[in-house]
N, C-alpha and C. Protein backbone atom coordinates (compact mmCIF):
# COMPACT_ATOMS: atom_id res chain seq x y z
N UNK A 1 6.37 -18.73 108.03
CA UNK A 1 6.43 -18.73 106.32
C UNK A 1 5.02 -18.06 105.85
N UNK A 2 5.02 -17.08 105.24
CA UNK A 2 4.17 -16.52 104.62
C UNK A 2 3.20 -17.42 103.45
N UNK A 3 1.82 -17.15 103.55
CA UNK A 3 1.55 -17.95 102.00
C UNK A 3 1.61 -16.98 101.26
N UNK A 4 2.25 -17.44 99.83
CA UNK A 4 2.05 -16.18 98.60
C UNK A 4 1.13 -16.29 97.90
N UNK A 5 0.75 -14.66 97.69
CA UNK A 5 0.00 -14.10 97.30
C UNK A 5 0.34 -13.79 95.57
N UNK A 6 -0.76 -13.48 95.14
CA UNK A 6 -1.55 -13.09 95.52
C UNK A 6 -2.74 -14.06 95.53
N UNK A 7 -3.40 -13.90 96.83
CA UNK A 7 -5.02 -14.31 96.94
C UNK A 7 -6.29 -14.44 96.07
N UNK A 8 -6.77 -15.40 95.74
CA UNK A 8 -8.07 -15.16 94.83
C UNK A 8 -9.02 -16.03 95.86
N UNK A 9 -10.81 -15.45 95.27
CA UNK A 9 -11.46 -15.97 95.65
C UNK A 9 -11.62 -17.48 94.53
N UNK A 10 -12.42 -18.29 94.45
CA UNK A 10 -12.88 -19.06 93.51
C UNK A 10 -13.46 -20.66 93.95
N UNK A 11 -13.99 -21.05 93.72
CA UNK A 11 -14.90 -22.03 93.98
C UNK A 11 -14.46 -23.65 93.82
N UNK A 12 -14.38 -24.31 94.85
CA UNK A 12 -13.56 -25.30 94.60
C UNK A 12 -14.44 -26.26 95.65
N UNK A 13 -15.09 -27.57 94.89
CA UNK A 13 -15.56 -28.66 95.43
C UNK A 13 -17.04 -27.83 95.53
N UNK A 14 -17.39 -26.95 94.79
CA UNK A 14 -18.82 -26.24 95.19
C UNK A 14 -19.54 -25.58 96.45
N UNK A 15 -17.51 -25.40 97.26
CA UNK A 15 -17.50 -24.30 98.33
C UNK A 15 -16.64 -23.04 97.77
N UNK A 16 -17.27 -21.68 97.91
CA UNK A 16 -16.34 -20.77 97.87
C UNK A 16 -14.98 -20.91 98.56
N UNK A 17 -13.54 -20.74 98.23
CA UNK A 17 -12.55 -20.87 98.65
C UNK A 17 -11.21 -19.62 98.78
N UNK A 18 -10.14 -19.16 99.18
CA UNK A 18 -9.59 -18.44 99.26
C UNK A 18 -8.55 -19.02 98.82
N UNK A 19 -7.78 -18.89 97.22
CA UNK A 19 -6.48 -19.53 97.13
C UNK A 19 -5.64 -18.47 97.08
N UNK A 20 -4.11 -19.51 97.60
CA UNK A 20 -2.51 -18.61 96.80
C UNK A 20 -2.75 -18.83 95.59
N UNK A 21 -1.14 -18.17 95.12
CA UNK A 21 -1.01 -18.18 93.66
C UNK A 21 -0.64 -19.51 92.78
N UNK A 22 -0.83 -20.86 93.75
CA UNK A 22 -0.52 -22.08 93.43
C UNK A 22 -1.71 -23.02 93.37
N UNK A 23 -2.94 -22.02 93.50
CA UNK A 23 -4.20 -22.45 93.61
C UNK A 23 -4.40 -23.37 94.82
N UNK A 24 -3.56 -23.57 95.79
CA UNK A 24 -3.67 -24.05 97.07
C UNK A 24 -5.22 -23.71 97.41
N UNK A 25 -5.46 -24.06 98.53
CA UNK A 25 -6.79 -23.78 99.39
C UNK A 25 -6.25 -23.16 100.55
N UNK A 26 -6.64 -21.95 101.42
CA UNK A 26 -6.23 -21.12 102.28
C UNK A 26 -7.13 -20.80 103.45
N UNK A 27 -8.21 -21.37 102.61
CA UNK A 27 -9.49 -21.23 103.32
C UNK A 27 -10.41 -21.32 102.78
N UNK A 28 -11.40 -22.10 103.65
CA UNK A 28 -13.09 -22.12 103.26
C UNK A 28 -13.81 -20.64 104.26
N UNK A 29 -13.99 -20.01 103.64
CA UNK A 29 -14.99 -18.25 104.38
C UNK A 29 -16.23 -19.96 104.76
N UNK A 30 -16.67 -19.27 105.82
CA UNK A 30 -18.36 -20.02 106.63
C UNK A 30 -19.35 -19.00 105.87
N UNK A 31 -19.84 -19.83 105.10
CA UNK A 31 -21.40 -19.45 104.53
C UNK A 31 -22.13 -19.03 105.10
N UNK A 32 -22.52 -17.84 105.40
CA UNK A 32 -23.79 -17.67 106.21
C UNK A 32 -24.95 -17.15 105.75
N UNK A 33 -24.78 -16.95 104.43
CA UNK A 33 -25.89 -15.68 103.70
C UNK A 33 -26.45 -17.11 102.45
N UNK A 34 -27.81 -16.40 102.20
CA UNK A 34 -28.56 -17.47 101.37
C UNK A 34 -28.14 -16.80 99.98
N UNK A 35 -28.18 -15.88 99.60
CA UNK A 35 -27.70 -15.42 97.71
C UNK A 35 -26.11 -15.85 97.88
N UNK A 36 -25.60 -15.26 99.20
CA UNK A 36 -24.09 -15.91 98.60
C UNK A 36 -23.27 -14.79 98.34
N UNK A 37 -23.67 -13.61 97.91
CA UNK A 37 -23.08 -12.31 97.78
C UNK A 37 -22.54 -11.82 98.64
N UNK A 38 -23.08 -11.54 99.51
CA UNK A 38 -22.04 -10.75 101.29
C UNK A 38 -20.76 -12.08 101.63
N UNK A 39 -21.36 -13.13 101.19
CA UNK A 39 -20.35 -14.23 101.54
C UNK A 39 -18.94 -14.00 100.77
N UNK A 40 -19.20 -13.49 99.18
CA UNK A 40 -18.37 -14.00 98.46
C UNK A 40 -17.74 -12.13 98.40
N UNK A 41 -18.10 -11.32 98.77
CA UNK A 41 -17.66 -10.10 99.18
C UNK A 41 -16.49 -10.04 100.31
N UNK A 42 -17.15 -10.93 101.27
CA UNK A 42 -16.25 -10.82 102.05
C UNK A 42 -14.74 -12.08 102.01
N UNK A 43 -15.35 -13.07 101.58
CA UNK A 43 -14.30 -13.62 100.62
C UNK A 43 -12.83 -13.07 99.78
N UNK A 44 -13.49 -11.90 99.20
CA UNK A 44 -12.72 -11.17 98.06
C UNK A 44 -12.06 -9.87 99.08
N UNK A 45 -12.69 -8.98 100.34
CA UNK A 45 -11.65 -8.19 101.04
C UNK A 45 -10.96 -9.49 101.86
N UNK A 46 -10.72 -10.76 102.84
CA UNK A 46 -10.01 -11.88 102.99
C UNK A 46 -8.77 -11.64 102.04
N UNK A 47 -9.22 -11.99 100.81
CA UNK A 47 -8.07 -11.98 100.09
C UNK A 47 -7.15 -11.38 99.32
N UNK A 48 -8.01 -10.02 99.55
CA UNK A 48 -7.45 -8.54 99.40
C UNK A 48 -6.35 -8.72 100.39
N UNK A 49 -6.38 -8.54 101.76
CA UNK A 49 -5.78 -7.99 102.71
C UNK A 49 -4.57 -9.25 102.49
N UNK A 50 -5.11 -10.76 102.60
CA UNK A 50 -4.00 -11.70 102.26
C UNK A 50 -2.90 -10.83 101.26
N UNK A 51 -3.17 -10.60 99.88
CA UNK A 51 -2.53 -10.19 99.07
C UNK A 51 -1.85 -8.89 99.25
N UNK A 52 -2.36 -8.18 100.18
CA UNK A 52 -1.37 -6.51 100.30
C UNK A 52 -0.74 -6.86 101.46
N UNK A 53 -0.81 -7.67 102.52
CA UNK A 53 0.00 -8.24 103.53
C UNK A 53 1.69 -8.97 102.75
N UNK A 54 0.97 -9.88 101.92
CA UNK A 54 2.14 -10.40 100.91
C UNK A 54 2.75 -9.72 100.41
N UNK A 55 2.53 -8.60 99.98
CA UNK A 55 2.87 -7.72 99.09
C UNK A 55 3.95 -6.71 100.12
N UNK A 56 3.47 -6.31 101.20
CA UNK A 56 3.79 -5.38 101.86
C UNK A 56 4.78 -5.53 102.32
N UNK A 57 4.44 -6.95 103.40
CA UNK A 57 5.55 -7.67 104.52
C UNK A 57 4.94 -6.56 105.97
N UNK A 58 3.90 -6.71 105.33
CA UNK A 58 3.23 -5.86 106.88
C UNK A 58 1.85 -6.46 107.52
N UNK A 59 1.59 -6.01 108.44
CA UNK A 59 0.20 -6.46 108.79
C UNK A 59 -0.95 -5.32 108.14
N UNK A 60 -2.19 -5.44 108.77
CA UNK A 60 -3.47 -4.36 108.16
C UNK A 60 -3.03 -3.32 109.83
N UNK A 61 -2.20 -3.93 110.54
CA UNK A 61 -2.67 -2.86 111.86
C UNK A 61 -0.88 -2.08 111.69
N UNK A 62 0.06 -2.62 111.12
CA UNK A 62 1.39 -2.08 110.37
C UNK A 62 1.22 -0.88 109.32
N UNK A 63 0.09 -1.38 108.47
CA UNK A 63 -0.29 -0.19 107.46
C UNK A 63 -1.05 0.45 107.94
N UNK A 64 -1.70 0.36 108.60
CA UNK A 64 -2.89 1.58 109.04
C UNK A 64 -1.82 2.53 110.34
N UNK A 65 -1.17 2.18 110.96
CA UNK A 65 0.10 2.85 111.53
C UNK A 65 1.06 3.30 111.14
N UNK A 66 1.70 2.73 110.32
CA UNK A 66 2.34 3.55 108.46
C UNK A 66 1.56 4.65 108.26
N UNK A 67 0.03 4.66 107.64
CA UNK A 67 0.16 5.25 107.52
C UNK A 67 -0.69 6.97 107.93
N UNK A 68 -0.74 6.67 109.32
CA UNK A 68 -0.83 7.94 110.48
C UNK A 68 0.20 8.22 110.27
N UNK A 69 1.42 7.77 110.77
CA UNK A 69 2.38 8.50 110.20
C UNK A 69 2.87 9.14 109.52
N UNK A 70 2.65 8.95 107.72
CA UNK A 70 3.59 9.41 106.90
C UNK A 70 2.01 10.45 106.60
N UNK A 71 0.82 10.41 106.68
CA UNK A 71 -0.16 11.28 106.68
C UNK A 71 0.32 12.65 107.95
N UNK A 72 0.98 12.58 109.16
CA UNK A 72 1.28 13.39 109.77
C UNK A 72 2.57 14.09 109.52
N UNK A 73 3.30 13.50 108.90
CA UNK A 73 4.28 13.74 108.29
C UNK A 73 4.41 14.69 107.74
N UNK A 74 3.38 14.30 106.33
CA UNK A 74 2.66 15.13 104.99
C UNK A 74 2.17 16.67 105.75
N UNK A 75 1.01 16.59 106.68
CA UNK A 75 0.61 17.62 107.03
C UNK A 75 1.97 18.50 107.95
N UNK A 76 2.44 17.84 108.57
CA UNK A 76 3.65 18.89 109.27
C UNK A 76 4.37 19.73 107.82
N UNK A 77 4.77 18.96 107.06
CA UNK A 77 5.05 19.62 105.31
C UNK A 77 4.39 20.76 104.95
N UNK A 78 3.30 20.69 105.58
CA UNK A 78 2.75 21.46 104.58
C UNK A 78 1.83 22.38 105.41
N UNK A 79 2.02 22.72 106.78
CA UNK A 79 2.30 23.75 107.44
C UNK A 79 3.25 25.19 107.36
N UNK A 80 2.52 26.35 107.39
CA UNK A 80 3.12 27.06 107.18
C UNK A 80 4.50 27.46 107.94
N UNK A 81 6.15 27.92 107.60
CA UNK A 81 7.12 28.02 108.28
C UNK A 81 7.27 28.93 109.38
N UNK A 82 6.57 28.67 110.56
CA UNK A 82 6.58 29.58 111.85
C UNK A 82 6.01 30.72 111.18
N UNK A 83 5.44 31.11 109.94
CA UNK A 83 4.91 32.28 110.21
C UNK A 83 5.81 33.11 109.04
N UNK A 84 6.84 32.69 109.03
CA UNK A 84 7.59 32.98 108.14
C UNK A 84 7.52 33.25 106.32
N UNK A 85 7.80 33.99 105.39
CA UNK A 85 7.30 34.31 103.91
C UNK A 85 8.76 33.06 103.37
N UNK A 86 8.35 32.04 102.64
CA UNK A 86 8.96 31.24 102.57
C UNK A 86 8.65 31.53 100.78
N UNK A 87 9.59 31.88 99.63
CA UNK A 87 9.56 31.67 98.41
C UNK A 87 9.85 30.37 97.89
N UNK A 88 8.89 29.47 97.39
CA UNK A 88 8.59 28.39 96.57
C UNK A 88 8.78 28.55 95.42
N UNK A 89 9.76 27.62 94.70
CA UNK A 89 10.18 27.08 92.82
C UNK A 89 9.11 26.65 92.69
N UNK A 90 8.97 26.53 91.13
CA UNK A 90 7.90 25.53 90.83
C UNK A 90 7.88 23.82 91.31
N UNK A 91 9.27 23.49 91.60
CA UNK A 91 9.02 22.04 91.69
C UNK A 91 8.83 21.87 93.19
N UNK A 92 8.73 23.08 93.77
CA UNK A 92 8.71 22.69 95.34
C UNK A 92 7.03 22.53 95.52
N UNK A 93 6.79 24.00 94.43
CA UNK A 93 5.00 24.15 94.71
C UNK A 93 4.50 22.75 94.12
N UNK A 94 5.17 21.87 93.11
CA UNK A 94 4.24 20.53 92.37
C UNK A 94 4.50 19.58 93.28
N UNK A 95 5.59 19.43 94.14
CA UNK A 95 5.62 18.77 95.43
C UNK A 95 4.45 18.91 96.72
N UNK A 96 4.30 20.02 97.09
CA UNK A 96 3.24 20.42 98.17
C UNK A 96 2.09 20.12 97.48
N UNK A 97 1.94 20.35 96.21
CA UNK A 97 0.23 20.16 95.70
C UNK A 97 0.21 18.10 95.53
N UNK A 98 1.15 18.06 95.02
CA UNK A 98 1.18 16.21 95.52
C UNK A 98 0.49 15.61 96.94
N UNK A 99 1.50 16.26 97.83
CA UNK A 99 1.49 16.44 99.35
C UNK A 99 -0.35 16.54 99.64
N UNK A 100 -0.39 17.67 99.12
CA UNK A 100 -1.97 17.89 99.40
C UNK A 100 -3.18 17.46 99.15
N UNK A 101 -3.12 16.52 97.77
CA UNK A 101 -3.98 15.55 97.03
C UNK A 101 -3.46 14.51 98.00
N UNK A 102 -2.22 13.83 98.20
CA UNK A 102 -2.29 12.68 99.17
C UNK A 102 -2.95 12.73 100.49
N UNK A 103 -2.68 14.07 101.14
CA UNK A 103 -3.94 14.02 102.39
C UNK A 103 -4.82 13.50 102.07
N UNK A 104 -5.62 14.28 100.76
CA UNK A 104 -6.59 14.49 100.91
C UNK A 104 -7.94 12.97 100.59
N UNK A 105 -6.51 12.62 100.12
CA UNK A 105 -6.87 11.18 99.34
C UNK A 105 -6.91 10.07 100.82
N UNK A 106 -6.04 10.37 101.53
CA UNK A 106 -5.55 9.73 103.28
C UNK A 106 -6.95 9.80 103.87
N UNK A 107 -7.54 11.25 103.75
CA UNK A 107 -8.51 11.79 105.21
C UNK A 107 -10.29 11.45 104.07
N UNK A 108 -9.74 10.46 102.85
CA UNK A 108 -11.22 10.55 102.04
C UNK A 108 -11.51 11.26 101.76
N UNK A 109 -11.42 12.56 101.67
CA UNK A 109 -11.99 13.57 100.52
C UNK A 109 -11.57 13.91 99.11
């Protein structure tokens, strides 16, 4: 059974804690930094990963694999059709623009 999200970072008994939607403690991250900023950032990252896994039902590895597959499919859509000139209507042009934008976001551009 999965721990229900969203996961949150909070303080419990003077400790940084990751909690579920019912405020049950999931974990107490091991604090190693004097100022705590890095520890809190790491805890927020863990909480976000747990929330996304709960929302999607996918592990981070599964999401990364899915992203790679979708990116490859979008890139294939964007390739010219074997050198043939294709007449595109405005809706298709809009879809291609969205695909281009998605590819750029996925590649960090």
